[in-house]
């Protein structure tokens, strides 16, 4: 058996390329999961109930006490 440095270095380069591809896929998948989680976190912050407050004025500009809307 004869050592062939060209083939050996080709194998090393091939395995390094596979590792880079795996790393890119892992980073891409992680980024997708993070981006999908953000809308969920924002939706949880929304309130189900709310209230409106203010002052009702009649046509002359006077405030109407205890007005119901």
C-alpha atoms as a PDB file:
ATOM      1  CA  UNK A   1       0.000   0.000   0.000  1.00  0.00           C
ATOM      2  CA  UNK A   2       1.374   3.356  -1.018  1.00  0.00           C
ATOM      3  CA  UNK A   3       0.525   6.585   0.777  1.00  0.00           C
ATOM      4  CA  UNK A   4      -1.067   9.004  -1.645  1.00  0.00           C
ATOM      5  CA  UNK A   5      -1.157  12.493  -0.116  1.00  0.00           C
ATOM      6  CA  UNK A   6      -3.474  13.845  -2.799  1.00  0.00           C
ATOM      7  CA  UNK A   7      -6.221  11.351  -1.991  1.00  0.00           C
ATOM      8  CA  UNK A   8      -5.728  11.712   1.749  1.00  0.00           C
ATOM      9  CA  UNK A   9      -6.057  15.493   1.620  1.00  0.00           C
ATOM     10  CA  UNK A  10      -9.120  15.131  -0.614  1.00  0.00           C
ATOM     11  CA  UNK A  11     -10.789  12.953   2.030  1.00  0.00           C
ATOM     12  CA  UNK A  12      -9.989  15.458   4.769  1.00  0.00           C
ATOM     13  CA  UNK A  13     -11.350  18.322   2.672  1.00  0.00           C
ATOM     14  CA  UNK A  14     -14.488  16.295   1.883  1.00  0.00           C
ATOM     15  CA  UNK A  15     -15.136  15.579   5.578  1.00  0.00           C
ATOM     16  CA  UNK A  16     -14.544  19.225   6.474  1.00  0.00           C
ATOM     17  CA  UNK A  17     -17.054  20.194   3.790  1.00  0.00           C
ATOM     18  CA  UNK A  18     -19.621  17.776   5.226  1.00  0.00           C
ATOM     19  CA  UNK A  19     -19.084  19.255   8.674  1.00  0.00           C
ATOM     20  CA  UNK A  20     -19.555  22.800   7.346  1.00  0.00           C
ATOM     21  CA  UNK A  21     -22.797  21.772   5.637  1.00  0.00           C
ATOM     22  CA  UNK A  22     -24.067  20.168   8.861  1.00  0.00           C
ATOM     23  CA  UNK A  23     -23.168  23.303  10.805  1.00  0.00           C
ATOM     24  CA  UNK A  24     -24.976  25.521   8.277  1.00  0.00           C
ATOM     25  CA  UNK A  25     -28.069  23.322   8.488  1.00  0.00           C
ATOM     26  CA  UNK A  26     -28.008  23.441  12.293  1.00  0.00           C
ATOM     27  CA  UNK A  27     -27.656  27.230  12.321  1.00  0.00           C
ATOM     28  CA  UNK A  28     -30.417  27.616   9.721  1.00  0.00           C
ATOM     29  CA  UNK A  29     -32.788  25.331  11.632  1.00  0.00           C
ATOM     30  CA  UNK A  30     -32.068  27.180  14.885  1.00  0.00           C
ATOM     31  CA  UNK A  31     -32.753  30.527  13.235  1.00  0.00           C
ATOM     32  CA  UNK A  32     -36.067  29.283  11.828  1.00  0.00           C
ATOM     33  CA  UNK A  33     -37.142  28.018  15.263  1.00  0.00           C
ATOM     34  CA  UNK A  34     -36.261  31.335  16.905  1.00  0.00           C
ATOM     35  CA  UNK A  35     -38.145  33.311  14.248  1.00  0.00           C
ATOM     36  CA  UNK A  36     -41.189  31.067  14.641  1.00  0.00           C
ATOM     37  CA  UNK A  37     -41.133  31.555  18.421  1.00  0.00           C
ATOM     38  CA  UNK A  38     -41.242  35.376  18.298  1.00  0.00           C
ATOM     39  CA  UNK A  39     -44.833  35.759  16.985  1.00  0.00           C
ATOM     40  CA  UNK A  40     -46.006  33.299  19.645  1.00  0.00           C
ATOM     41  CA  UNK A  41     -44.374  35.335  22.404  1.00  0.00           C
ATOM     42  CA  UNK A  42     -45.916  38.540  21.083  1.00  0.00           C
ATOM     43  CA  UNK A  43     -49.395  36.988  20.868  1.00  0.00           C
ATOM     44  CA  UNK A  44     -49.257  35.910  24.503  1.00  0.00           C
ATOM     45  CA  UNK A  45     -48.829  39.556  25.530  1.00  0.00           C
ATOM     46  CA  UNK A  46     -52.152  40.601  24.001  1.00  0.00           C
ATOM     47  CA  UNK A  47     -54.969  41.329  26.461  1.00  0.00           C
ATOM     48  CA  UNK A  48     -58.349  39.637  26.094  1.00  0.00           C
ATOM     49  CA  UNK A  49     -60.294  42.342  27.907  1.00  0.00           C
ATOM     50  CA  UNK A  50     -60.026  46.112  27.715  1.00  0.00           C
ATOM     51  CA  UNK A  51     -61.732  49.289  28.788  1.00  0.00           C
ATOM     52  CA  UNK A  52     -62.441  52.692  27.319  1.00  0.00           C
ATOM     53  CA  UNK A  53     -62.617  55.824  29.410  1.00  0.00           C
ATOM     54  CA  UNK A  54     -63.262  59.418  28.535  1.00  0.00           C
ATOM     55  CA  UNK A  55     -65.664  62.318  28.794  1.00  0.00           C
ATOM     56  CA  UNK A  56     -68.866  62.759  26.801  1.00  0.00           C
ATOM     57  CA  UNK A  57     -69.827  66.283  25.739  1.00  0.00           C
ATOM     58  CA  UNK A  58     -73.214  67.490  24.547  1.00  0.00           C
ATOM     59  CA  UNK A  59     -73.708  69.822  21.579  1.00  0.00           C
ATOM     60  CA  UNK A  60     -73.157  72.923  23.743  1.00  0.00           C
ATOM     61  CA  UNK A  61     -69.773  71.579  24.961  1.00  0.00           C
ATOM     62  CA  UNK A  62     -70.885  70.724  28.502  1.00  0.00           C
ATOM     63  CA  UNK A  63     -69.791  67.416  30.031  1.00  0.00           C
ATOM     64  CA  UNK A  64     -72.549  64.813  30.398  1.00  0.00           C
ATOM     65  CA  UNK A  65     -72.287  63.167  33.851  1.00  0.00           C
ATOM     66  CA  UNK A  66     -72.747  59.351  34.162  1.00  0.00           C
ATOM     67  CA  UNK A  67     -73.203  58.902  30.404  1.00  0.00           C
ATOM     68  CA  UNK A  68     -73.453  55.257  29.221  1.00  0.00           C
ATOM     69  CA  UNK A  69     -72.181  54.135  25.848  1.00  0.00           C
END
